[in-house]
Amino acid sequence: MNAVKETKSSKYSTKYPILGPILGLVLVVLLFSKTRGFLTPNNITIILTQTVIVTIASLGMTKIIVSGGIDLSVGAVVAFTSVLGAHAVSANLPMALVIIIALIGGGLFGLINGTIIAGFKMNPFIVTLGIMGVARGASKWLGKNQTVNYDPELSINFLMNNPSQIGGYEIPLWIPPIGVVVALLMAVVISTVMNKTVFGRHIYAIGSNEATARLCGIRTEFTKLKVYIFAGLLYGLAGVMQLSRLQQGDPTVAIGLELDVIAAVVIGGASLSGGTGSIFGAVIGALIMATLRNGSDQVGWPNYAQEIIIGLVIVLAVGLDRLRQRQIN
């Protein structure tokens, strides 16, 4: 009888894992819906813009967590690639080349993480904690312990900051910047890779049971290496968005970003035990966190209250994941 109850209660959470995050987002929106100015088009655009960096980084983190790993270096890598991109912009390189350079910088750190973790079978928590220090130090060295500034009129800024007008026509404030569209397109692409390709199925298999996956002929170490490299590339793209938003390269930026990214993935339904996770769940998780922060600002709650609330939401998400895993097992 208990088994039947557990099967019924876990049916929707396993078959439709996206429902939990969607319900959470609806509840957060309802919580602040009475606040003046919260549901206006302009404020919704602000929330979407604030979500871009965490969303893009969480796409890579979802792959890593689903594979059974973790990455604490994401914030430092985003800072490094933003400073690297700022140097490229100040050298008057074309925007496409600036983006490619930032992607290569992020991919390089992904390669380092993946090589050490997969090649030497070391704990990803310890490895990425160490690489976090390396990337942060490298960004400070590259920026000479100061921000890297460039001409604010350069085209890289339009990714996260819409121009006030184009060709004499005013641009409405409610139109989201291109970065929002890029984040959504990347989410669609990565979701397709995770759900429709052999590579994606291998990621889920490794996270579920690495030993079994290896016995089935999956090259687990090589797959992990690719997962960390692809995540690094996405961190590089997030660094470009950070650069565009601040309009300067700052080596001290994105401190604590790794917590927001991991929280977005977990709130979105991923299991820290591996084998479970959704790209669009992570996107909704990022939206939940951005909405919480924005709504708290609108209400006038102090920063410490926001941190307490978000911390409780993360603990609740992990607790629900534990409960779901028990029901499945």
Protein backbone atom coordinates (compact mmCIF):
# COMPACT_ATOMS: atom_id res chain seq x y z
CA MET A 1 0.00 0.00 0.00
CA ASN A 2 2.84 2.41 0.87
CA ALA A 3 4.57 1.54 -2.37
CA VAL A 4 1.43 2.44 -4.30
CA LYS A 5 1.19 5.78 -2.48
CA GLU A 6 4.84 6.56 -3.15
CA THR A 7 4.42 5.70 -6.82
CA LYS A 8 1.43 8.02 -7.16
CA SER A 9 3.05 10.87 -5.26
CA SER A 10 6.27 10.68 -7.24
CA LYS A 11 4.68 10.11 -10.65
CA TYR A 12 4.35 13.74 -11.60
CA SER A 13 7.69 14.79 -10.10
CA THR A 14 9.51 12.18 -12.18
CA LYS A 15 7.48 12.45 -15.38
CA TYR A 16 7.06 16.23 -15.29
CA PRO A 17 10.04 17.57 -13.26
CA ILE A 18 9.51 21.06 -14.66
CA LEU A 19 6.18 21.46 -12.83
CA GLY A 20 7.80 22.07 -9.43
CA PRO A 21 9.99 24.99 -10.59
CA ILE A 22 7.09 26.50 -12.56
CA LEU A 23 4.87 26.34 -9.48
CA GLY A 24 7.65 27.94 -7.44
CA LEU A 25 7.97 30.81 -9.94
CA VAL A 26 4.20 31.37 -9.92
CA LEU A 27 4.19 31.53 -6.11
CA VAL A 28 7.05 34.04 -6.05
CA VAL A 29 5.30 36.24 -8.64
CA LEU A 30 2.06 36.08 -6.64
CA LEU A 31 3.97 37.03 -3.48
CA PHE A 32 5.04 40.36 -5.00
CA SER A 33 2.14 40.89 -7.43
CA LYS A 34 0.49 43.48 -5.19
CA THR A 35 3.66 45.58 -5.10
CA ARG A 36 3.35 48.73 -7.17
CA GLY A 37 5.39 48.59 -10.36
CA PHE A 38 6.37 44.91 -10.00
CA LEU A 39 4.35 43.51 -12.91
CA THR A 40 4.97 46.40 -15.28
CA PRO A 41 6.60 45.62 -18.66
CA ASN A 42 9.66 47.68 -17.75
CA ASN A 43 10.25 45.78 -14.51
CA ILE A 44 9.72 42.41 -16.17
CA THR A 45 12.40 43.40 -18.70
CA ILE A 46 14.72 44.32 -15.81
CA ILE A 47 14.17 40.89 -14.22
CA LEU A 48 14.88 39.11 -17.51
CA THR A 49 18.05 41.16 -18.01
CA GLN A 50 19.23 40.41 -14.48
CA THR A 51 18.71 36.70 -15.15
CA VAL A 52 20.90 36.44 -18.27
CA ILE A 53 24.33 35.89 -16.68
CA VAL A 54 23.10 33.32 -14.14
CA THR A 55 21.01 31.59 -16.80
CA ILE A 56 23.85 31.15 -19.28
CA ALA A 57 26.24 29.94 -16.57
CA SER A 58 23.59 27.57 -15.19
CA LEU A 59 23.30 25.87 -18.60
CA GLY A 60 26.87 24.65 -18.20
CA MET A 61 26.44 23.92 -14.49
CA THR A 62 23.38 21.77 -15.21
CA LYS A 63 25.46 19.51 -17.43
CA ILE A 64 28.10 19.19 -14.72
CA ILE A 65 25.65 18.48 -11.89
CA VAL A 66 23.69 15.98 -13.99
CA SER A 67 26.96 14.15 -14.66
CA GLY A 68 27.54 13.91 -10.90
CA GLY A 69 30.06 16.75 -10.60
CA ILE A 70 30.20 20.31 -9.31
CA ASP A 71 32.05 23.47 -10.32
CA LEU A 72 32.92 26.22 -7.85
CA SER A 73 35.11 28.14 -10.29
CA VAL A 74 32.28 29.60 -12.39
CA GLY A 75 32.29 33.08 -10.81
CA ALA A 76 36.06 33.46 -11.10
CA VAL A 77 36.04 32.23 -14.71
CA VAL A 78 33.30 34.74 -15.59
CA ALA A 79 35.44 37.50 -14.06
CA PHE A 80 38.53 36.31 -15.96
CA THR A 81 36.75 36.16 -19.32
CA SER A 82 35.16 39.59 -18.79
CA VAL A 83 38.60 41.12 -18.15
CA LEU A 84 40.03 39.20 -21.11
CA GLY A 85 37.18 40.47 -23.29
CA ALA A 86 37.70 44.04 -22.05
CA HIS A 87 41.33 43.92 -23.18
CA ALA A 88 40.19 42.62 -26.58
CA VAL A 89 37.61 45.42 -26.88
CA SER A 90 40.13 48.10 -25.89
CA ALA A 91 42.41 46.75 -28.64
CA ASN A 92 39.61 47.59 -31.14
CA LEU A 93 39.12 43.97 -32.18
CA PRO A 94 35.83 43.08 -33.95
CA MET A 95 33.01 42.05 -31.62
CA ALA A 96 32.91 38.50 -33.04
CA LEU A 97 36.60 38.08 -32.25
CA VAL A 98 36.09 39.48 -28.74
CA ILE A 99 33.41 36.85 -28.10
CA ILE A 100 35.60 34.07 -29.52
CA ILE A 101 38.52 35.11 -27.29
CA ALA A 102 36.27 35.09 -24.20
CA LEU A 103 34.89 31.67 -25.15
CA ILE A 104 38.41 30.30 -25.58
CA GLY A 105 39.40 31.69 -22.16
CA GLY A 106 36.43 30.00 -20.51
CA GLY A 107 36.96 26.79 -22.46
CA LEU A 108 40.60 26.70 -21.33
CA PHE A 109 39.60 26.66 -17.68
CA GLY A 110 36.97 24.03 -18.49
CA LEU A 111 39.72 21.95 -20.09
CA ILE A 112 41.89 22.31 -16.99
CA ASN A 113 39.03 21.31 -14.67
CA GLY A 114 37.99 18.38 -16.84
CA THR A 115 41.53 17.08 -17.33
CA ILE A 116 42.30 17.03 -13.62
CA ILE A 117 38.91 15.64 -12.57
CA ALA A 118 38.55 13.00 -15.28
CA GLY A 119 42.20 12.25 -15.97
CA PHE A 120 43.40 12.03 -12.36
CA LYS A 121 40.00 11.00 -10.88
CA MET A 122 40.11 13.79 -8.32
CA ASN A 123 37.19 15.19 -6.34
CA PRO A 124 35.51 17.93 -8.43
CA PHE A 125 34.69 19.98 -5.33
CA ILE A 126 38.36 20.25 -4.33
CA VAL A 127 39.65 20.69 -7.88
CA THR A 128 37.24 23.48 -8.84
CA LEU A 129 37.76 25.17 -5.46
CA GLY A 130 41.47 25.37 -6.28
CA ILE A 131 40.85 26.50 -9.87
CA MET A 132 38.51 29.18 -8.51
CA GLY A 133 41.53 30.73 -6.78
CA VAL A 134 43.67 30.33 -9.90
CA ALA A 135 41.07 31.99 -12.16
CA ARG A 136 40.45 34.83 -9.70
CA GLY A 137 44.17 35.47 -9.35
CA ALA A 138 44.64 35.30 -13.12
CA SER A 139 41.87 37.87 -13.65
CA LYS A 140 43.52 40.25 -11.15
CA TRP A 141 46.89 39.74 -12.82
CA LEU A 142 45.39 40.32 -16.26
CA GLY A 143 43.63 43.49 -15.07
CA LYS A 144 46.63 44.61 -12.97
CA ASN A 145 44.36 44.72 -9.91
CA GLN A 146 42.10 47.36 -11.44
CA THR A 147 39.20 47.62 -13.85
CA VAL A 148 39.86 47.55 -17.59
CA ASN A 149 37.94 50.40 -19.22
CA TYR A 150 37.20 51.10 -22.87
CA ASP A 151 35.15 53.44 -25.04
CA PRO A 152 31.52 53.09 -23.83
CA GLU A 153 30.27 53.71 -27.36
CA LEU A 154 31.68 50.42 -28.66
CA SER A 155 29.18 47.90 -29.99
CA ILE A 156 29.75 45.17 -27.35
CA ASN A 157 27.59 47.12 -24.91
CA PHE A 158 24.36 46.63 -26.83
CA LEU A 159 24.20 42.94 -25.83
CA MET A 160 22.95 43.88 -22.35
CA ASN A 161 22.11 47.57 -22.77
CA ASN A 162 19.64 48.65 -25.43
CA PRO A 163 20.40 51.96 -27.16
CA SER A 164 17.95 54.74 -26.40
CA GLN A 165 17.16 55.13 -30.08
CA ILE A 166 17.96 53.70 -33.49
CA GLY A 167 17.72 55.81 -36.63
CA GLY A 168 15.93 58.57 -34.75
CA TYR A 169 13.28 56.19 -33.32
CA GLU A 170 12.97 55.81 -29.56
CA ILE A 171 13.48 52.28 -28.22
CA PRO A 172 10.84 51.40 -25.57
CA LEU A 173 12.26 50.44 -22.18
CA TRP A 174 10.22 47.22 -22.11
CA ILE A 175 12.05 45.69 -25.10
CA PRO A 176 14.60 43.21 -23.68
CA PRO A 177 18.23 43.46 -24.80
CA ILE A 178 19.76 40.94 -27.19
CA GLY A 179 21.39 39.10 -24.29
CA VAL A 180 17.98 37.83 -23.17
CA VAL A 181 17.32 36.37 -26.62
CA VAL A 182 20.80 34.80 -26.70
CA ALA A 183 20.21 33.15 -23.30
CA LEU A 184 16.88 31.68 -24.44
CA LEU A 185 18.34 30.40 -27.71
CA MET A 186 21.24 28.79 -25.85
CA ALA A 187 18.78 27.15 -23.46
CA VAL A 188 16.91 25.62 -26.42
CA VAL A 189 20.15 24.39 -28.00
CA ILE A 190 21.56 22.89 -24.79
CA SER A 191 18.22 21.30 -23.90
CA THR A 192 18.14 19.65 -27.32
CA VAL A 193 21.67 18.36 -26.82
CA MET A 194 20.81 16.97 -23.39
CA ASN A 195 17.57 15.27 -24.42
CA LYS A 196 17.99 14.35 -28.08
CA THR A 197 21.63 13.33 -28.53
CA VAL A 198 23.77 10.36 -27.52
CA PHE A 199 26.12 12.72 -25.71
CA GLY A 200 23.25 14.01 -23.56
CA ARG A 201 22.09 10.50 -22.70
CA HIS A 202 25.64 9.59 -21.72
CA ILE A 203 25.73 12.55 -19.30
CA TYR A 204 22.57 11.32 -17.57
CA ALA A 205 23.90 7.75 -17.51
CA ILE A 206 27.19 8.76 -15.87
CA GLY A 207 25.39 10.80 -13.22
CA SER A 208 22.98 7.97 -12.46
CA ASN A 209 25.63 5.26 -12.08
CA GLU A 210 29.13 5.85 -13.40
CA ALA A 211 30.28 2.25 -12.91
CA THR A 212 27.31 0.88 -14.85
CA ALA A 213 27.82 3.48 -17.57
CA ARG A 214 31.43 2.40 -17.92
CA LEU A 215 30.40 -1.25 -18.18
CA CYS A 216 27.95 -0.28 -20.93
CA GLY A 217 30.84 1.01 -23.01
CA ILE A 218 30.50 4.74 -22.29
CA ARG A 219 33.82 6.57 -22.22
CA THR A 220 33.10 8.19 -18.88
CA GLU A 221 36.35 10.15 -18.50
CA PHE A 222 36.18 11.58 -22.02
CA THR A 223 32.51 12.49 -21.56
CA LYS A 224 33.30 14.29 -18.30
CA LEU A 225 36.10 16.17 -20.02
CA LYS A 226 33.71 17.37 -22.74
CA VAL A 227 31.13 18.36 -20.13
CA TYR A 228 33.60 20.65 -18.33
CA ILE A 229 34.92 22.13 -21.58
CA PHE A 230 31.40 22.95 -22.82
CA ALA A 231 30.56 24.43 -19.42
CA GLY A 232 33.70 26.59 -19.64
CA LEU A 233 32.62 27.88 -23.04
CA LEU A 234 29.27 28.89 -21.57
CA TYR A 235 31.04 30.62 -18.67
CA GLY A 236 32.99 32.56 -21.29
CA LEU A 237 29.73 33.66 -22.91
CA ALA A 238 28.42 34.69 -19.48
CA GLY A 239 31.63 36.71 -19.08
CA VAL A 240 30.86 38.54 -22.32
CA MET A 241 27.41 39.40 -20.97
CA GLN A 242 28.97 40.57 -17.70
CA LEU A 243 31.38 42.76 -19.67
CA SER A 244 28.54 44.22 -21.73
CA ARG A 245 26.43 44.92 -18.66
CA LEU A 246 29.18 46.68 -16.65
CA GLN A 247 30.84 48.21 -19.73
CA GLN A 248 34.20 47.42 -18.19
CA GLY A 249 36.25 44.40 -17.19
CA ASP A 250 36.35 44.03 -13.40
CA PRO A 251 38.54 41.26 -11.87
CA THR A 252 36.56 41.43 -8.60
CA VAL A 253 33.16 40.92 -10.21
CA ALA A 254 30.95 37.80 -9.90
CA ILE A 255 32.10 36.92 -6.38
CA GLY A 256 29.52 34.43 -5.09
CA LEU A 257 28.08 33.84 -8.56
CA GLU A 258 28.78 30.13 -8.18
CA LEU A 259 26.27 29.97 -5.32
CA ASP A 260 23.56 31.65 -7.41
CA VAL A 261 24.26 29.34 -10.36
CA ILE A 262 24.25 26.14 -8.31
CA ALA A 263 21.13 27.33 -6.49
CA ALA A 264 19.35 28.00 -9.80
CA VAL A 265 20.16 24.48 -11.01
CA VAL A 266 19.03 22.85 -7.75
CA ILE A 267 15.88 24.97 -7.48
CA GLY A 268 15.19 23.98 -11.09
CA GLY A 269 14.95 20.34 -10.06
CA ALA A 270 18.47 18.97 -10.49
CA SER A 271 19.82 16.49 -7.96
CA LEU A 272 23.24 17.07 -6.42
CA SER A 273 23.60 13.28 -6.48
CA GLY A 274 23.64 13.43 -10.30
CA GLY A 275 21.53 11.78 -12.98
CA THR A 276 18.63 14.25 -12.71
CA GLY A 277 18.26 17.76 -14.05
CA SER A 278 16.54 19.95 -16.59
CA ILE A 279 17.89 22.82 -18.66
CA PHE A 280 14.60 24.71 -18.62
CA GLY A 281 14.26 23.90 -14.93
CA ALA A 282 17.57 25.70 -14.38
CA VAL A 283 16.32 28.67 -16.42
CA ILE A 284 13.20 28.87 -14.25
CA GLY A 285 15.39 28.51 -11.15
CA ALA A 286 17.42 31.52 -12.31
CA LEU A 287 14.18 33.42 -12.88
CA ILE A 288 12.95 32.54 -9.39
CA MET A 289 16.11 33.94 -7.82
CA ALA A 290 16.09 37.10 -9.94
CA THR A 291 12.39 37.63 -9.18
CA LEU A 292 13.00 37.17 -5.46
CA ARG A 293 15.79 39.74 -5.50
CA ASN A 294 13.83 42.22 -7.61
CA GLY A 295 10.64 41.82 -5.60
CA SER A 296 12.55 42.21 -2.34
CA ASP A 297 14.04 45.46 -3.62
CA GLN A 298 10.60 46.67 -4.68
CA VAL A 299 9.18 45.95 -1.24
CA GLY A 300 12.19 47.52 0.45
CA TRP A 301 13.48 44.48 2.30
CA PRO A 302 17.14 44.84 3.40
CA ASN A 303 19.88 42.79 1.76
CA TYR A 304 20.28 40.47 4.74
CA ALA A 305 16.59 39.54 4.52
CA GLN A 306 17.01 38.70 0.84
CA GLU A 307 20.00 36.49 1.60
CA ILE A 308 18.10 34.67 4.36
CA ILE A 309 15.09 34.07 2.09
CA ILE A 310 17.18 32.80 -0.83
CA GLY A 311 19.16 30.58 1.54
CA LEU A 312 15.95 29.06 2.88
CA VAL A 313 14.69 28.50 -0.68
CA ILE A 314 17.89 26.62 -1.52
CA VAL A 315 17.62 24.44 1.59
CA LEU A 316 13.97 23.75 0.74
CA ALA A 317 14.90 22.77 -2.82
CA VAL A 318 17.58 20.36 -1.60
CA GLY A 319 15.15 18.91 0.93
CA LEU A 320 12.53 18.33 -1.75
CA ASP A 321 15.17 16.65 -3.91
CA ARG A 322 16.01 14.29 -1.04
CA LEU A 323 12.34 13.49 -0.58
CA ARG A 324 11.91 12.85 -4.30
CA GLN A 325 14.94 10.52 -4.38
CA ARG A 326 13.55 8.50 -1.46
CA GLN A 327 10.20 8.14 -3.21
CA ILE A 328 11.87 6.96 -6.41
CA ASN A 329 14.08 4.46 -4.57
